[in-house]
């Protein structure tokens, strides 16, 4: 998790947003959070915000993004991971969501994405049989 001294910058170019679109994401309540580890050794956290036309007109989209920016300002320094790009995407309930629940949605998504990244990869197939051909591993 990031500390109070972690530098946070904004994602601004389309290519940065598109790179995050291919990354793991977690949807919780009124927000979707995408997290892309950069693996470039830079401990900076970068954040982008987006709201589609499904949210509403320009006024509603801007209000939703303002709420997400403030939530990120409060939550990301404690729960964001250094060296990761995040994109917060507004969902239909972002504008009307009670403030404590919106903060909880962002916090839960960041924690979940951090846990998924830190968890060891699970083996999806059966282990190979021993090289000596012993019957102990055969069903």
C-alpha atoms as a PDB file:
ATOM      1  CA  UNK A   1       0.000   0.000   0.000  1.00  0.00           C
ATOM      2  CA  UNK A   2       1.101   3.535  -0.652  1.00  0.00           C
ATOM      3  CA  UNK A   3       2.194   5.892   2.063  1.00  0.00           C
ATOM      4  CA  UNK A   4       1.422   9.582   2.513  1.00  0.00           C
ATOM      5  CA  UNK A   5       4.554  10.600   0.571  1.00  0.00           C
ATOM      6  CA  UNK A   6       3.615   8.738  -2.605  1.00  0.00           C
ATOM      7  CA  UNK A   7       3.366  10.896  -5.707  1.00  0.00           C
ATOM      8  CA  UNK A   8       0.040  10.689  -7.531  1.00  0.00           C
ATOM      9  CA  UNK A   9      -0.412  11.944 -11.094  1.00  0.00           C
ATOM     10  CA  UNK A  10      -3.238  11.918 -13.604  1.00  0.00           C
ATOM     11  CA  UNK A  11      -3.587   9.774 -16.706  1.00  0.00           C
ATOM     12  CA  UNK A  12      -4.284  12.097 -19.609  1.00  0.00           C
ATOM     13  CA  UNK A  13      -3.666  10.429 -22.962  1.00  0.00           C
ATOM     14  CA  UNK A  14      -5.919   7.979 -24.743  1.00  0.00           C
ATOM     15  CA  UNK A  15      -3.118   5.402 -24.985  1.00  0.00           C
ATOM     16  CA  UNK A  16      -2.771   5.354 -21.178  1.00  0.00           C
ATOM     17  CA  UNK A  17      -6.499   4.728 -20.762  1.00  0.00           C
ATOM     18  CA  UNK A  18      -6.469   2.018 -23.439  1.00  0.00           C
ATOM     19  CA  UNK A  19      -3.578   0.243 -21.715  1.00  0.00           C
ATOM     20  CA  UNK A  20      -5.591   0.160 -18.482  1.00  0.00           C
ATOM     21  CA  UNK A  21      -8.629  -1.150 -20.341  1.00  0.00           C
ATOM     22  CA  UNK A  22      -6.729  -4.423 -20.916  1.00  0.00           C
ATOM     23  CA  UNK A  23      -5.839  -4.715 -17.219  1.00  0.00           C
ATOM     24  CA  UNK A  24      -7.667  -6.534 -14.404  1.00  0.00           C
ATOM     25  CA  UNK A  25     -10.690  -4.699 -13.048  1.00  0.00           C
ATOM     26  CA  UNK A  26     -13.146  -4.895 -10.200  1.00  0.00           C
ATOM     27  CA  UNK A  27     -16.679  -3.494 -10.211  1.00  0.00           C
ATOM     28  CA  UNK A  28     -18.170  -2.522  -6.880  1.00  0.00           C
ATOM     29  CA  UNK A  29     -21.395  -0.591  -6.461  1.00  0.00           C
ATOM     30  CA  UNK A  30     -21.128   2.702  -8.291  1.00  0.00           C
ATOM     31  CA  UNK A  31     -17.582   2.384  -9.619  1.00  0.00           C
ATOM     32  CA  UNK A  32     -15.375   0.148 -11.762  1.00  0.00           C
ATOM     33  CA  UNK A  33     -11.654   0.284 -11.016  1.00  0.00           C
ATOM     34  CA  UNK A  34      -9.062  -0.930 -13.517  1.00  0.00           C
ATOM     35  CA  UNK A  35      -5.495  -1.473 -12.277  1.00  0.00           C
ATOM     36  CA  UNK A  36      -2.470  -1.907 -14.539  1.00  0.00           C
ATOM     37  CA  UNK A  37       0.942  -2.512 -12.966  1.00  0.00           C
ATOM     38  CA  UNK A  38       3.516  -0.597 -14.995  1.00  0.00           C
ATOM     39  CA  UNK A  39       6.592  -2.642 -13.993  1.00  0.00           C
ATOM     40  CA  UNK A  40       8.859   0.294 -14.822  1.00  0.00           C
ATOM     41  CA  UNK A  41      10.349   0.753 -11.346  1.00  0.00           C
ATOM     42  CA  UNK A  42       8.678   4.144 -10.877  1.00  0.00           C
ATOM     43  CA  UNK A  43       6.760   4.226  -7.560  1.00  0.00           C
ATOM     44  CA  UNK A  44       4.370   6.903  -8.803  1.00  0.00           C
ATOM     45  CA  UNK A  45       0.624   6.146  -8.796  1.00  0.00           C
ATOM     46  CA  UNK A  46      -1.275   7.437 -11.820  1.00  0.00           C
ATOM     47  CA  UNK A  47      -5.061   7.795 -11.879  1.00  0.00           C
ATOM     48  CA  UNK A  48      -7.566   8.497 -14.614  1.00  0.00           C
ATOM     49  CA  UNK A  49     -11.313   9.082 -14.453  1.00  0.00           C
ATOM     50  CA  UNK A  50     -14.004   8.457 -17.006  1.00  0.00           C
ATOM     51  CA  UNK A  51     -17.762   8.553 -17.327  1.00  0.00           C
ATOM     52  CA  UNK A  52     -19.621   7.453 -20.449  1.00  0.00           C
ATOM     53  CA  UNK A  53     -22.719   9.000 -21.964  1.00  0.00           C
ATOM     54  CA  UNK A  54     -24.783   6.285 -20.297  1.00  0.00           C
ATOM     55  CA  UNK A  55     -24.317   8.279 -17.080  1.00  0.00           C
ATOM     56  CA  UNK A  56     -26.140  11.254 -18.556  1.00  0.00           C
ATOM     57  CA  UNK A  57     -25.388  14.611 -20.093  1.00  0.00           C
ATOM     58  CA  UNK A  58     -22.226  16.615 -19.592  1.00  0.00           C
ATOM     59  CA  UNK A  59     -23.365  18.006 -16.240  1.00  0.00           C
ATOM     60  CA  UNK A  60     -24.017  14.542 -14.811  1.00  0.00           C
ATOM     61  CA  UNK A  61     -20.780  13.119 -16.211  1.00  0.00           C
ATOM     62  CA  UNK A  62     -18.760  15.992 -14.758  1.00  0.00           C
ATOM     63  CA  UNK A  63     -20.450  15.596 -11.361  1.00  0.00           C
ATOM     64  CA  UNK A  64     -19.712  11.869 -11.369  1.00  0.00           C
ATOM     65  CA  UNK A  65     -16.047  12.473 -12.227  1.00  0.00           C
ATOM     66  CA  UNK A  66     -15.730  15.164  -9.544  1.00  0.00           C
ATOM     67  CA  UNK A  67     -17.045  12.713  -6.954  1.00  0.00           C
ATOM     68  CA  UNK A  68     -14.617  10.027  -8.150  1.00  0.00           C
ATOM     69  CA  UNK A  69     -11.683  12.469  -8.075  1.00  0.00           C
ATOM     70  CA  UNK A  70     -12.431  13.406  -4.477  1.00  0.00           C
ATOM     71  CA  UNK A  71     -12.906   9.769  -3.451  1.00  0.00           C
ATOM     72  CA  UNK A  72      -9.579   8.883  -5.080  1.00  0.00           C
ATOM     73  CA  UNK A  73      -7.857  11.802  -3.363  1.00  0.00           C
ATOM     74  CA  UNK A  74      -8.988  10.450   0.011  1.00  0.00           C
ATOM     75  CA  UNK A  75      -8.601   6.689  -0.556  1.00  0.00           C
ATOM     76  CA  UNK A  76      -5.753   6.057  -3.016  1.00  0.00           C
ATOM     77  CA  UNK A  77      -2.887   7.300  -0.810  1.00  0.00           C
ATOM     78  CA  UNK A  78      -3.757   4.632   1.787  1.00  0.00           C
ATOM     79  CA  UNK A  79      -4.895   1.756  -0.439  1.00  0.00           C
ATOM     80  CA  UNK A  80      -3.239   2.313  -3.822  1.00  0.00           C
ATOM     81  CA  UNK A  81      -0.149   0.378  -4.852  1.00  0.00           C
ATOM     82  CA  UNK A  82       2.981   2.213  -6.030  1.00  0.00           C
ATOM     83  CA  UNK A  83       3.844   1.687  -9.688  1.00  0.00           C
ATOM     84  CA  UNK A  84       0.239   1.073 -10.746  1.00  0.00           C
ATOM     85  CA  UNK A  85      -2.065   2.976 -13.109  1.00  0.00           C
ATOM     86  CA  UNK A  86      -5.705   3.112 -12.021  1.00  0.00           C
ATOM     87  CA  UNK A  87      -8.771   4.139 -14.002  1.00  0.00           C
ATOM     88  CA  UNK A  88     -11.986   4.826 -12.092  1.00  0.00           C
ATOM     89  CA  UNK A  89     -15.078   4.461 -14.263  1.00  0.00           C
ATOM     90  CA  UNK A  90     -18.362   5.971 -13.125  1.00  0.00           C
ATOM     91  CA  UNK A  91     -21.427   3.745 -13.190  1.00  0.00           C
ATOM     92  CA  UNK A  92     -25.089   4.697 -13.191  1.00  0.00           C
ATOM     93  CA  UNK A  93     -25.351   5.180  -9.431  1.00  0.00           C
ATOM     94  CA  UNK A  94     -22.220   7.280  -8.937  1.00  0.00           C
ATOM     95  CA  UNK A  95     -24.042  10.590  -8.680  1.00  0.00           C
ATOM     96  CA  UNK A  96     -26.752   9.483  -6.262  1.00  0.00           C
ATOM     97  CA  UNK A  97     -24.633   7.115  -4.170  1.00  0.00           C
ATOM     98  CA  UNK A  98     -24.288   8.222  -0.531  1.00  0.00           C
ATOM     99  CA  UNK A  99     -20.779   9.548   0.045  1.00  0.00           C
ATOM    100  CA  UNK A 100     -19.676   6.937   2.637  1.00  0.00           C
ATOM    101  CA  UNK A 101     -20.837   4.110   0.363  1.00  0.00           C
ATOM    102  CA  UNK A 102     -18.996   5.581  -2.637  1.00  0.00           C
ATOM    103  CA  UNK A 103     -15.807   5.802  -0.552  1.00  0.00           C
ATOM    104  CA  UNK A 104     -16.332   2.199   0.532  1.00  0.00           C
ATOM    105  CA  UNK A 105     -16.828   1.101  -3.096  1.00  0.00           C
ATOM    106  CA  UNK A 106     -13.506   2.661  -4.154  1.00  0.00           C
ATOM    107  CA  UNK A 107     -11.685   1.313  -1.091  1.00  0.00           C
ATOM    108  CA  UNK A 108     -13.045  -2.217  -1.569  1.00  0.00           C
ATOM    109  CA  UNK A 109     -12.121  -2.248  -5.263  1.00  0.00           C
ATOM    110  CA  UNK A 110      -8.557  -1.081  -4.555  1.00  0.00           C
ATOM    111  CA  UNK A 111      -8.083  -3.646  -1.791  1.00  0.00           C
ATOM    112  CA  UNK A 112      -9.462  -6.445  -3.941  1.00  0.00           C
ATOM    113  CA  UNK A 113      -7.273  -5.554  -6.917  1.00  0.00           C
ATOM    114  CA  UNK A 114      -4.231  -5.369  -4.647  1.00  0.00           C
ATOM    115  CA  UNK A 115      -5.037  -8.760  -3.128  1.00  0.00           C
ATOM    116  CA  UNK A 116      -5.534 -10.343  -6.552  1.00  0.00           C
ATOM    117  CA  UNK A 117      -2.164  -9.006  -7.689  1.00  0.00           C
ATOM    118  CA  UNK A 118      -0.377 -10.225  -4.540  1.00  0.00           C
ATOM    119  CA  UNK A 119      -1.958 -13.699  -4.478  1.00  0.00           C
ATOM    120  CA  UNK A 120       0.170 -16.536  -5.839  1.00  0.00           C
ATOM    121  CA  UNK A 121      -1.018 -17.960  -9.122  1.00  0.00           C
ATOM    122  CA  UNK A 122      -3.144 -21.066  -8.713  1.00  0.00           C
ATOM    123  CA  UNK A 123      -2.218 -24.162 -10.674  1.00  0.00           C
ATOM    124  CA  UNK A 124      -5.060 -24.925 -13.062  1.00  0.00           C
ATOM    125  CA  UNK A 125      -4.011 -28.359 -14.271  1.00  0.00           C
ATOM    126  CA  UNK A 126      -2.952 -31.582 -12.589  1.00  0.00           C
ATOM    127  CA  UNK A 127       0.732 -31.863 -11.712  1.00  0.00           C
ATOM    128  CA  UNK A 128       2.867 -33.890 -14.123  1.00  0.00           C
ATOM    129  CA  UNK A 129       3.587 -37.508 -13.159  1.00  0.00           C
ATOM    130  CA  UNK A 130       6.932 -38.235 -11.511  1.00  0.00           C
ATOM    131  CA  UNK A 131       9.819 -38.837 -13.887  1.00  0.00           C
ATOM    132  CA  UNK A 132      10.571 -42.281 -12.462  1.00  0.00           C
ATOM    133  CA  UNK A 133       7.156 -43.626 -13.544  1.00  0.00           C
ATOM    134  CA  UNK A 134       6.223 -44.836 -10.074  1.00  0.00           C
ATOM    135  CA  UNK A 135       2.599 -45.953  -9.718  1.00  0.00           C
ATOM    136  CA  UNK A 136       2.141 -43.911  -6.503  1.00  0.00           C
ATOM    137  CA  UNK A 137       0.939 -40.909  -8.482  1.00  0.00           C
ATOM    138  CA  UNK A 138      -1.405 -42.812 -10.789  1.00  0.00           C
ATOM    139  CA  UNK A 139      -5.138 -42.785  -9.974  1.00  0.00           C
END
